[in-house]
Amino acid sequence: LLQALGESGPFVLGGHSWGGLLVRLYASTFPNDVAGLVLIDATHEAQVARYEAMKPGFSFAAEVRSMLAKAPPAVRDVYEQAIRVGVEQKVDGMMPLRDLPLAIITAVKPCPPQVSWTCSDPAVWPVWRQLHSEWADRSTASLHVVSARTEHYVMNDQPSLIVDAVKFVLDQVRAAKP
């Protein structure tokens, strides 16, 4: 899309939730095209295993499969992919984050269970923060914001956090250029 628009990289990419996996995969596949990332309450490939370890008997795959029956056909493939990523704890082709300008927003405001089970259970928030902190630790130019004032959909509750995160990454990218 960016090529079709005549835009040239490298780019700062942002991804919310599952989109966080997608921009990280893009950064792994095309490292020279990505100057920085903004991860907005982003999915982590190890989150399911860590959550299941906290809740004996809980099965993410079983929970998601129960949602499949109610899901529109257009999103069933995404649910199946989520199960695969959760079980395998990896995304084919994704490398660990390299050292690049990075901003991470972690939401820890309670939300209704139908929005996301990760934000409806306060017991998982320390794990959520830790997973996101692990990304921040990979970068020498990172910002990690944890907000108790926003649910999973940060763009609805605190859009200014996203704007500030993008500005931070852009500033870091510009400062690194000769």
C-alpha atoms as a PDB file:
ATOM      1  CA  LEU A   1       0.000   0.000   0.000  1.00  0.00           C
ATOM      2  CA  LEU A   2       2.783   2.423   0.924  1.00  0.00           C
ATOM      3  CA  GLN A   3       4.618   1.671  -2.327  1.00  0.00           C
ATOM      4  CA  ALA A   4       1.399   2.184  -4.293  1.00  0.00           C
ATOM      5  CA  LEU A   5       1.045   5.583  -2.629  1.00  0.00           C
ATOM      6  CA  GLY A   6       4.610   6.449  -3.625  1.00  0.00           C
ATOM      7  CA  GLU A   7       5.852   6.495  -0.033  1.00  0.00           C
ATOM      8  CA  SER A   8       9.385   5.366   0.673  1.00  0.00           C
ATOM      9  CA  GLY A   9      10.692   4.017   3.947  1.00  0.00           C
ATOM     10  CA  PRO A  10      11.895   3.386   6.389  1.00  0.00           C
ATOM     11  CA  PHE A  11       8.595   3.688   8.233  1.00  0.00           C
ATOM     12  CA  VAL A  12       7.350   3.962  11.782  1.00  0.00           C
ATOM     13  CA  LEU A  13       4.639   1.343  12.120  1.00  0.00           C
ATOM     14  CA  GLY A  14       1.998   1.082  14.793  1.00  0.00           C
ATOM     15  CA  GLY A  15      -0.097  -1.903  15.753  1.00  0.00           C
ATOM     16  CA  HIS A  16      -2.890  -2.418  18.267  1.00  0.00           C
ATOM     17  CA  SER A  17      -3.664  -5.835  19.776  1.00  0.00           C
ATOM     18  CA  TRP A  18      -3.256  -8.466  17.033  1.00  0.00           C
ATOM     19  CA  GLY A  19      -1.870  -5.688  14.833  1.00  0.00           C
ATOM     20  CA  GLY A  20       1.152  -5.603  17.149  1.00  0.00           C
ATOM     21  CA  LEU A  21       2.044  -9.087  15.945  1.00  0.00           C
ATOM     22  CA  LEU A  22       1.581  -7.976  12.349  1.00  0.00           C
ATOM     23  CA  VAL A  23       3.887  -4.951  12.568  1.00  0.00           C
ATOM     24  CA  ARG A  24       6.502  -7.003  14.426  1.00  0.00           C
ATOM     25  CA  LEU A  25       6.306  -9.641  11.693  1.00  0.00           C
ATOM     26  CA  TYR A  26       6.676  -6.918   9.045  1.00  0.00           C
ATOM     27  CA  ALA A  27       9.711  -5.544  10.913  1.00  0.00           C
ATOM     28  CA  SER A  28      11.215  -9.062  10.925  1.00  0.00           C
ATOM     29  CA  THR A  29      10.520  -9.640   7.248  1.00  0.00           C
ATOM     30  CA  PHE A  30      11.575  -6.180   6.012  1.00  0.00           C
ATOM     31  CA  PRO A  31      14.007  -4.811   8.632  1.00  0.00           C
ATOM     32  CA  ASN A  32      15.389  -2.103   6.349  1.00  0.00           C
ATOM     33  CA  ASP A  33      11.882  -0.715   5.811  1.00  0.00           C
ATOM     34  CA  VAL A  34      11.105  -0.189   9.508  1.00  0.00           C
ATOM     35  CA  ALA A  35      12.644   2.657  11.500  1.00  0.00           C
ATOM     36  CA  GLY A  36      10.555   2.238  14.641  1.00  0.00           C
ATOM     37  CA  LEU A  37       7.469   0.679  16.165  1.00  0.00           C
ATOM     38  CA  VAL A  38       4.547   1.747  18.339  1.00  0.00           C
ATOM     39  CA  LEU A  39       2.905  -1.231  20.054  1.00  0.00           C
ATOM     40  CA  ILE A  40      -0.512  -0.407  21.487  1.00  0.00           C
ATOM     41  CA  ASP A  41      -1.667  -2.974  24.048  1.00  0.00           C
ATOM     42  CA  ALA A  42      -0.172  -5.450  21.609  1.00  0.00           C
ATOM     43  CA  THR A  43      -0.541  -9.214  21.573  1.00  0.00           C
ATOM     44  CA  HIS A  44       2.536 -11.146  22.664  1.00  0.00           C
ATOM     45  CA  GLU A  45       3.093 -14.643  21.342  1.00  0.00           C
ATOM     46  CA  ALA A  46       3.964 -15.974  24.835  1.00  0.00           C
ATOM     47  CA  GLN A  47       0.995 -14.451  26.663  1.00  0.00           C
ATOM     48  CA  VAL A  48      -1.277 -17.474  26.434  1.00  0.00           C
ATOM     49  CA  ALA A  49       1.275 -19.866  27.920  1.00  0.00           C
ATOM     50  CA  ARG A  50       1.998 -17.477  30.770  1.00  0.00           C
ATOM     51  CA  TYR A  51      -1.692 -16.898  31.482  1.00  0.00           C
ATOM     52  CA  GLU A  52      -2.472 -20.604  31.379  1.00  0.00           C
ATOM     53  CA  ALA A  53       0.350 -21.228  33.877  1.00  0.00           C
ATOM     54  CA  MET A  54      -1.447 -18.858  36.268  1.00  0.00           C
ATOM     55  CA  LYS A  55      -4.831 -20.546  35.850  1.00  0.00           C
ATOM     56  CA  PRO A  56      -4.579 -24.339  36.072  1.00  0.00           C
ATOM     57  CA  GLY A  57      -7.300 -25.937  34.000  1.00  0.00           C
ATOM     58  CA  PHE A  58      -7.814 -22.868  31.830  1.00  0.00           C
ATOM     59  CA  SER A  59      -7.482 -23.476  28.088  1.00  0.00           C
ATOM     60  CA  PHE A  60      -7.179 -20.507  25.765  1.00  0.00           C
ATOM     61  CA  ALA A  61      -7.747 -22.743  22.746  1.00  0.00           C
ATOM     62  CA  ALA A  62     -10.982 -24.104  24.227  1.00  0.00           C
ATOM     63  CA  GLU A  63     -12.202 -20.605  25.076  1.00  0.00           C
ATOM     64  CA  VAL A  64     -11.468 -19.286  21.598  1.00  0.00           C
ATOM     65  CA  ARG A  65     -13.043 -22.318  19.934  1.00  0.00           C
ATOM     66  CA  SER A  66     -16.236 -21.671  21.909  1.00  0.00           C
ATOM     67  CA  MET A  67     -16.219 -18.143  20.463  1.00  0.00           C
ATOM     68  CA  LEU A  68     -15.815 -19.533  16.925  1.00  0.00           C
ATOM     69  CA  ALA A  69     -19.387 -20.778  16.854  1.00  0.00           C
ATOM     70  CA  LYS A  70     -20.652 -17.207  17.365  1.00  0.00           C
ATOM     71  CA  ALA A  71     -18.062 -15.522  15.159  1.00  0.00           C
ATOM     72  CA  PRO A  72     -18.834 -14.267  11.663  1.00  0.00           C
ATOM     73  CA  PRO A  73     -17.169 -16.418   9.003  1.00  0.00           C
ATOM     74  CA  ALA A  74     -14.899 -13.527   7.995  1.00  0.00           C
ATOM     75  CA  VAL A  75     -13.070 -13.562  11.346  1.00  0.00           C
ATOM     76  CA  ARG A  76     -12.917 -17.309  12.010  1.00  0.00           C
ATOM     77  CA  ASP A  77      -9.532 -17.584  10.308  1.00  0.00           C
ATOM     78  CA  VAL A  78      -8.130 -14.913  12.644  1.00  0.00           C
ATOM     79  CA  TYR A  79      -9.414 -16.878  15.655  1.00  0.00           C
ATOM     80  CA  GLU A  80      -7.771 -20.044  14.320  1.00  0.00           C
ATOM     81  CA  GLN A  81      -4.516 -18.132  13.868  1.00  0.00           C
ATOM     82  CA  ALA A  82      -4.796 -16.822  17.430  1.00  0.00           C
ATOM     83  CA  ILE A  83      -5.159 -20.387  18.695  1.00  0.00           C
ATOM     84  CA  ARG A  84      -2.110 -21.492  16.701  1.00  0.00           C
ATOM     85  CA  VAL A  85       0.025 -18.590  17.928  1.00  0.00           C
ATOM     86  CA  GLY A  86      -1.131 -19.180  21.506  1.00  0.00           C
ATOM     87  CA  VAL A  87      -0.369 -22.884  21.421  1.00  0.00           C
ATOM     88  CA  GLU A  88       2.929 -22.637  19.513  1.00  0.00           C
ATOM     89  CA  GLN A  89       4.058 -19.403  21.262  1.00  0.00           C
ATOM     90  CA  LYS A  90       5.541 -18.149  18.007  1.00  0.00           C
ATOM     91  CA  VAL A  91       4.700 -16.584  14.673  1.00  0.00           C
ATOM     92  CA  ASP A  92       6.314 -18.137  11.622  1.00  0.00           C
ATOM     93  CA  GLY A  93       9.024 -15.820  10.312  1.00  0.00           C
ATOM     94  CA  MET A  94       9.035 -13.479  13.307  1.00  0.00           C
ATOM     95  CA  MET A  95      12.415 -12.708  14.820  1.00  0.00           C
ATOM     96  CA  PRO A  96      12.945 -11.209  18.266  1.00  0.00           C
ATOM     97  CA  LEU A  97      12.660  -7.424  18.257  1.00  0.00           C
ATOM     98  CA  ARG A  98      15.904  -5.759  17.290  1.00  0.00           C
ATOM     99  CA  ASP A  99      17.198  -2.558  18.854  1.00  0.00           C
ATOM    100  CA  LEU A 100      15.094   0.152  17.213  1.00  0.00           C
ATOM    101  CA  PRO A 101      13.060   3.108  18.480  1.00  0.00           C
ATOM    102  CA  LEU A 102      10.089   1.629  20.255  1.00  0.00           C
ATOM    103  CA  ALA A 103       7.062   2.834  22.219  1.00  0.00           C
ATOM    104  CA  ILE A 104       4.789   0.435  24.063  1.00  0.00           C
ATOM    105  CA  ILE A 105       1.442   1.244  25.645  1.00  0.00           C
ATOM    106  CA  THR A 106       0.084  -1.252  28.159  1.00  0.00           C
ATOM    107  CA  ALA A 107      -3.548  -0.854  29.226  1.00  0.00           C
ATOM    108  CA  VAL A 108      -4.585  -2.087  32.675  1.00  0.00           C
ATOM    109  CA  LYS A 109      -8.032  -0.593  33.214  1.00  0.00           C
ATOM    110  CA  PRO A 110     -10.680  -3.254  33.821  1.00  0.00           C
ATOM    111  CA  CYS A 111     -12.919  -3.949  30.871  1.00  0.00           C
ATOM    112  CA  PRO A 112     -15.935  -6.206  30.337  1.00  0.00           C
ATOM    113  CA  PRO A 113     -14.988  -9.866  29.707  1.00  0.00           C
ATOM    114  CA  GLN A 114     -16.524  -9.774  26.227  1.00  0.00           C
ATOM    115  CA  VAL A 115     -13.951  -7.140  25.188  1.00  0.00           C
ATOM    116  CA  SER A 116     -10.842  -9.093  26.130  1.00  0.00           C
ATOM    117  CA  TRP A 117     -10.254 -11.641  28.846  1.00  0.00           C
ATOM    118  CA  THR A 118      -6.733 -10.257  29.302  1.00  0.00           C
ATOM    119  CA  CYS A 119      -8.011  -6.902  30.519  1.00  0.00           C
ATOM    120  CA  SER A 120     -10.943  -8.222  32.517  1.00  0.00           C
ATOM    121  CA  ASP A 121      -8.800 -10.196  34.981  1.00  0.00           C
ATOM    122  CA  PRO A 122      -6.455  -8.063  37.136  1.00  0.00           C
ATOM    123  CA  ALA A 123      -4.479 -11.192  38.052  1.00  0.00           C
ATOM    124  CA  VAL A 124      -2.919 -11.249  34.569  1.00  0.00           C
ATOM    125  CA  TRP A 125      -1.868  -7.589  34.480  1.00  0.00           C
ATOM    126  CA  PRO A 126       1.567  -8.144  36.037  1.00  0.00           C
ATOM    127  CA  VAL A 127       2.260 -10.740  33.347  1.00  0.00           C
ATOM    128  CA  TRP A 128       0.946  -8.368  30.651  1.00  0.00           C
ATOM    129  CA  ARG A 129       3.240  -5.588  31.901  1.00  0.00           C
ATOM    130  CA  GLN A 130       6.193  -7.981  32.112  1.00  0.00           C
ATOM    131  CA  LEU A 131       5.727  -9.220  28.547  1.00  0.00           C
ATOM    132  CA  HIS A 132       5.616  -5.647  27.276  1.00  0.00           C
ATOM    133  CA  SER A 133       8.625  -4.700  29.447  1.00  0.00           C
ATOM    134  CA  GLU A 134      10.602  -7.486  27.804  1.00  0.00           C
ATOM    135  CA  TRP A 135      10.094  -5.739  24.470  1.00  0.00           C
ATOM    136  CA  ALA A 136      11.127  -2.378  25.925  1.00  0.00           C
ATOM    137  CA  ASP A 137      14.285  -3.944  27.333  1.00  0.00           C
ATOM    138  CA  ARG A 138      15.385  -4.912  23.798  1.00  0.00           C
ATOM    139  CA  SER A 139      15.649  -1.280  22.730  1.00  0.00           C
ATOM    140  CA  THR A 140      18.089   1.421  23.765  1.00  0.00           C
ATOM    141  CA  ALA A 141      15.466   3.987  22.692  1.00  0.00           C
ATOM    142  CA  SER A 142      12.212   2.816  24.228  1.00  0.00           C
ATOM    143  CA  LEU A 143       9.251   4.217  26.079  1.00  0.00           C
ATOM    144  CA  HIS A 144       6.871   1.971  28.016  1.00  0.00           C
ATOM    145  CA  VAL A 145       3.680   3.579  29.279  1.00  0.00           C
ATOM    146  CA  VAL A 146       1.352   1.626  31.585  1.00  0.00           C
ATOM    147  CA  SER A 147      -2.056   3.230  31.931  1.00  0.00           C
ATOM    148  CA  ALA A 148      -4.790   2.396  34.419  1.00  0.00           C
ATOM    149  CA  ARG A 149      -6.987   4.994  32.679  1.00  0.00           C
ATOM    150  CA  THR A 150      -7.496   3.025  29.469  1.00  0.00           C
ATOM    151  CA  GLU A 151      -8.976  -0.301  28.503  1.00  0.00           C
ATOM    152  CA  HIS A 152      -7.650  -2.408  25.640  1.00  0.00           C
ATOM    153  CA  TYR A 153      -8.948   0.076  23.057  1.00  0.00           C
ATOM    154  CA  VAL A 154      -6.489   2.846  23.898  1.00  0.00           C
ATOM    155  CA  MET A 155      -7.493   4.806  20.798  1.00  0.00           C
ATOM    156  CA  ASN A 156     -10.959   5.273  22.320  1.00  0.00           C
ATOM    157  CA  ASP A 157      -9.970   6.065  25.910  1.00  0.00           C
ATOM    158  CA  GLN A 158      -6.668   7.920  25.585  1.00  0.00           C
ATOM    159  CA  PRO A 159      -5.776   8.691  21.971  1.00  0.00           C
ATOM    160  CA  SER A 160      -3.235  11.253  23.179  1.00  0.00           C
ATOM    161  CA  LEU A 161      -1.113   8.376  24.513  1.00  0.00           C
ATOM    162  CA  ILE A 162      -0.792   7.054  20.978  1.00  0.00           C
ATOM    163  CA  VAL A 163       0.009  10.476  19.553  1.00  0.00           C
ATOM    164  CA  ASP A 164       2.707  10.980  22.206  1.00  0.00           C
ATOM    165  CA  ALA A 165       4.118   7.497  21.563  1.00  0.00           C
ATOM    166  CA  VAL A 166       4.368   8.161  17.819  1.00  0.00           C
ATOM    167  CA  LYS A 167       6.064  11.518  18.502  1.00  0.00           C
ATOM    168  CA  PHE A 168       8.548   9.811  20.830  1.00  0.00           C
ATOM    169  CA  VAL A 169       9.482   7.208  18.206  1.00  0.00           C
ATOM    170  CA  LEU A 170       9.743   9.832  15.447  1.00  0.00           C
ATOM    171  CA  ASP A 171      12.000  11.964  17.656  1.00  0.00           C
ATOM    172  CA  GLN A 172      14.222   8.940  18.320  1.00  0.00           C
ATOM    173  CA  VAL A 173      14.380   8.058  14.621  1.00  0.00           C
ATOM    174  CA  ARG A 174      15.251  11.643  13.655  1.00  0.00           C
ATOM    175  CA  ALA A 175      17.899  11.900  16.374  1.00  0.00           C
ATOM    176  CA  ALA A 176      19.601   8.737  15.123  1.00  0.00           C
ATOM    177  CA  LYS A 177      19.955  10.021  11.532  1.00  0.00           C
ATOM    178  CA  PRO A 178      23.350  11.561  10.668  1.00  0.00           C
END
